[in-house]
């Protein structure tokens, strides 16, 4: 299965920043394990592909997918 990027640059930057903030909560602040959920937006932001976007047909990326 080939994954085509479906996140734009701004979307990716927001996801990476949010993921890092959530992961930081594991070490600073309330120090709960819930901060590890930050791995989800961090990973999708780095990879550039979101499974939820793929399910609902959402694309914030301007790059056209090549057919064929």
N, C-alpha and C. Protein backbone atom coordinates (compact mmCIF):
# COMPACT_ATOMS: atom_id res chain seq x y z
N UNK A 1 0.84 -1.17 0.00
CA UNK A 1 0.00 0.00 0.00
C UNK A 1 0.89 1.24 0.00
N UNK A 2 0.62 2.14 -0.91
CA UNK A 2 1.41 3.36 -1.02
C UNK A 2 0.67 4.50 -0.35
N UNK A 3 1.39 5.24 0.49
CA UNK A 3 0.80 6.38 1.18
C UNK A 3 1.15 7.65 0.44
N UNK A 4 0.13 8.42 0.08
CA UNK A 4 0.32 9.70 -0.59
C UNK A 4 0.13 10.78 0.47
N UNK A 5 1.02 11.74 0.48
CA UNK A 5 0.94 12.82 1.45
C UNK A 5 -0.42 13.50 1.39
N UNK A 6 -1.03 13.70 2.56
CA UNK A 6 -2.33 14.37 2.58
C UNK A 6 -2.36 15.53 3.58
N UNK A 7 -1.18 15.97 4.05
CA UNK A 7 -1.09 17.08 4.98
C UNK A 7 -0.23 18.18 4.38
N UNK A 8 -0.70 19.41 4.50
CA UNK A 8 0.06 20.56 4.04
C UNK A 8 1.14 20.95 5.05
N UNK A 9 1.98 21.90 4.67
CA UNK A 9 3.11 22.32 5.50
C UNK A 9 2.66 22.92 6.83
N UNK A 10 1.64 23.76 6.80
CA UNK A 10 1.17 24.38 8.04
C UNK A 10 0.55 23.33 8.96
N UNK A 11 -0.23 22.44 8.40
CA UNK A 11 -0.85 21.35 9.14
C UNK A 11 0.22 20.50 9.81
N UNK A 12 1.25 20.17 9.06
CA UNK A 12 2.34 19.34 9.59
C UNK A 12 3.07 20.04 10.72
N UNK A 13 3.35 21.35 10.56
CA UNK A 13 4.05 22.10 11.59
C UNK A 13 3.24 22.16 12.88
N UNK A 14 1.94 22.36 12.75
CA UNK A 14 1.07 22.41 13.93
C UNK A 14 1.05 21.06 14.64
N UNK A 15 0.98 19.99 13.86
CA UNK A 15 0.97 18.65 14.44
C UNK A 15 2.26 18.33 15.18
N UNK A 16 3.39 18.68 14.58
CA UNK A 16 4.68 18.42 15.23
C UNK A 16 4.79 19.22 16.52
N UNK A 17 4.42 20.49 16.48
CA UNK A 17 4.48 21.34 17.68
C UNK A 17 3.55 20.80 18.77
N UNK A 18 2.33 20.45 18.41
CA UNK A 18 1.38 19.93 19.39
C UNK A 18 1.88 18.60 19.98
N UNK A 19 2.44 17.76 19.14
CA UNK A 19 2.97 16.49 19.62
C UNK A 19 4.11 16.69 20.61
N UNK A 20 5.01 17.61 20.30
CA UNK A 20 6.12 17.88 21.22
C UNK A 20 5.65 18.45 22.54
N UNK A 21 4.64 19.32 22.49
CA UNK A 21 4.09 19.89 23.74
C UNK A 21 3.46 18.79 24.58
N UNK A 22 2.69 17.92 23.96
CA UNK A 22 2.05 16.83 24.70
C UNK A 22 3.07 15.88 25.30
N UNK A 23 4.10 15.55 24.55
CA UNK A 23 5.14 14.66 25.07
C UNK A 23 5.89 15.33 26.21
N UNK A 24 6.09 16.64 26.12
CA UNK A 24 6.77 17.37 27.20
C UNK A 24 5.99 17.28 28.51
N UNK A 25 4.67 17.13 28.43
CA UNK A 25 3.85 17.01 29.63
C UNK A 25 4.17 15.74 30.41
N UNK A 26 4.76 14.76 29.77
CA UNK A 26 5.15 13.53 30.46
C UNK A 26 6.29 13.83 31.44
N UNK A 27 7.16 14.77 31.07
CA UNK A 27 8.34 15.06 31.86
C UNK A 27 8.21 16.31 32.73
N UNK A 28 7.41 17.27 32.29
CA UNK A 28 7.23 18.53 33.00
C UNK A 28 5.73 18.75 33.18
N UNK A 29 5.35 19.38 34.24
CA UNK A 29 3.93 19.66 34.46
C UNK A 29 3.25 18.54 35.22
N UNK A 30 2.07 18.10 34.76
CA UNK A 30 1.34 17.09 35.52
C UNK A 30 2.01 15.71 35.52
N UNK A 31 2.92 15.47 34.63
CA UNK A 31 3.68 14.22 34.53
C UNK A 31 2.78 12.98 34.51
N UNK A 32 1.83 13.00 33.60
CA UNK A 32 0.95 11.83 33.43
C UNK A 32 1.30 11.13 32.12
N UNK A 33 0.90 9.89 32.05
CA UNK A 33 1.18 9.09 30.86
C UNK A 33 0.36 9.54 29.66
N UNK A 34 -0.68 10.34 29.86
CA UNK A 34 -1.51 10.82 28.76
C UNK A 34 -0.71 11.62 27.75
N UNK A 35 0.40 12.19 28.17
CA UNK A 35 1.23 12.97 27.26
C UNK A 35 1.80 12.15 26.12
N UNK A 36 1.90 10.84 26.31
CA UNK A 36 2.43 9.98 25.25
C UNK A 36 1.51 9.93 24.04
N UNK A 37 0.27 10.39 24.19
CA UNK A 37 -0.62 10.50 23.03
C UNK A 37 -0.08 11.52 22.03
N UNK A 38 0.87 12.34 22.46
CA UNK A 38 1.52 13.28 21.56
C UNK A 38 2.31 12.60 20.46
N UNK A 39 2.59 11.31 20.62
CA UNK A 39 3.29 10.58 19.56
C UNK A 39 2.46 10.49 18.29
N UNK A 40 1.14 10.52 18.44
CA UNK A 40 0.26 10.41 17.27
C UNK A 40 0.40 11.63 16.37
N UNK A 41 0.16 12.87 16.88
CA UNK A 41 0.33 14.02 15.99
C UNK A 41 1.78 14.23 15.56
N UNK A 42 2.72 13.89 16.44
CA UNK A 42 4.13 14.03 16.07
C UNK A 42 4.47 13.13 14.89
N UNK A 43 4.05 11.87 14.95
CA UNK A 43 4.34 10.92 13.87
C UNK A 43 3.64 11.30 12.58
N UNK A 44 2.36 11.65 12.65
CA UNK A 44 1.65 12.01 11.44
C UNK A 44 2.20 13.30 10.84
N UNK A 45 2.66 14.21 11.68
CA UNK A 45 3.26 15.44 11.18
C UNK A 45 4.59 15.20 10.49
N UNK A 46 5.39 14.31 11.03
CA UNK A 46 6.69 14.00 10.41
C UNK A 46 6.50 13.24 9.10
N UNK A 47 5.59 12.27 9.10
CA UNK A 47 5.37 11.44 7.92
C UNK A 47 4.61 12.20 6.83
N UNK A 48 3.68 13.06 7.24
CA UNK A 48 2.89 13.82 6.27
C UNK A 48 1.64 13.11 5.81
N UNK A 49 1.26 12.05 6.49
CA UNK A 49 0.08 11.28 6.12
C UNK A 49 -0.73 10.99 7.38
N UNK A 50 -2.03 11.29 7.33
CA UNK A 50 -2.93 11.06 8.45
C UNK A 50 -3.98 10.04 8.05
N UNK A 51 -4.09 8.94 8.79
CA UNK A 51 -5.07 7.92 8.43
C UNK A 51 -6.51 8.44 8.51
N UNK A 52 -6.81 9.32 9.45
CA UNK A 52 -8.17 9.87 9.55
C UNK A 52 -8.49 10.72 8.32
N UNK A 53 -7.51 11.50 7.86
CA UNK A 53 -7.72 12.28 6.64
C UNK A 53 -7.99 11.36 5.45
N UNK A 54 -7.27 10.25 5.39
CA UNK A 54 -7.44 9.31 4.28
C UNK A 54 -8.84 8.69 4.31
N UNK A 55 -9.35 8.37 5.48
CA UNK A 55 -10.67 7.77 5.60
C UNK A 55 -11.76 8.74 5.13
N UNK A 56 -11.63 10.01 5.54
CA UNK A 56 -12.65 11.01 5.22
C UNK A 56 -12.38 11.78 3.93
N UNK A 57 -11.29 11.46 3.25
CA UNK A 57 -10.98 12.10 1.97
C UNK A 57 -10.54 13.55 2.09
N UNK A 58 -9.93 13.91 3.20
CA UNK A 58 -9.46 15.28 3.43
C UNK A 58 -8.01 15.40 2.98
N UNK A 59 -7.69 16.51 2.31
CA UNK A 59 -6.31 16.80 1.91
C UNK A 59 -6.04 18.27 2.18
N UNK A 60 -4.99 18.57 2.95
CA UNK A 60 -4.57 19.95 3.15
C UNK A 60 -3.30 20.22 2.37
N UNK A 61 -2.85 19.23 1.61
CA UNK A 61 -1.62 19.33 0.82
C UNK A 61 -1.95 19.83 -0.57
N UNK A 62 -1.14 20.74 -1.07
CA UNK A 62 -1.36 21.32 -2.41
C UNK A 62 -0.80 20.43 -3.52
N UNK A 63 0.05 19.46 -3.18
CA UNK A 63 0.69 18.60 -4.18
C UNK A 63 -0.36 17.64 -4.75
N UNK A 64 -0.42 17.60 -6.07
CA UNK A 64 -1.33 16.68 -6.74
C UNK A 64 -0.74 15.27 -6.76
N UNK A 65 -1.56 14.29 -6.49
CA UNK A 65 -1.12 12.90 -6.56
C UNK A 65 -1.00 12.48 -8.02
N UNK A 66 0.09 11.81 -8.35
CA UNK A 66 0.29 11.34 -9.72
C UNK A 66 -0.51 10.06 -9.94
N UNK A 67 -1.23 10.01 -11.01
CA UNK A 67 -2.02 8.82 -11.33
C UNK A 67 -1.21 7.92 -12.23
N UNK A 68 -1.26 6.63 -11.93
CA UNK A 68 -0.62 5.67 -12.83
C UNK A 68 0.61 5.18 -12.31
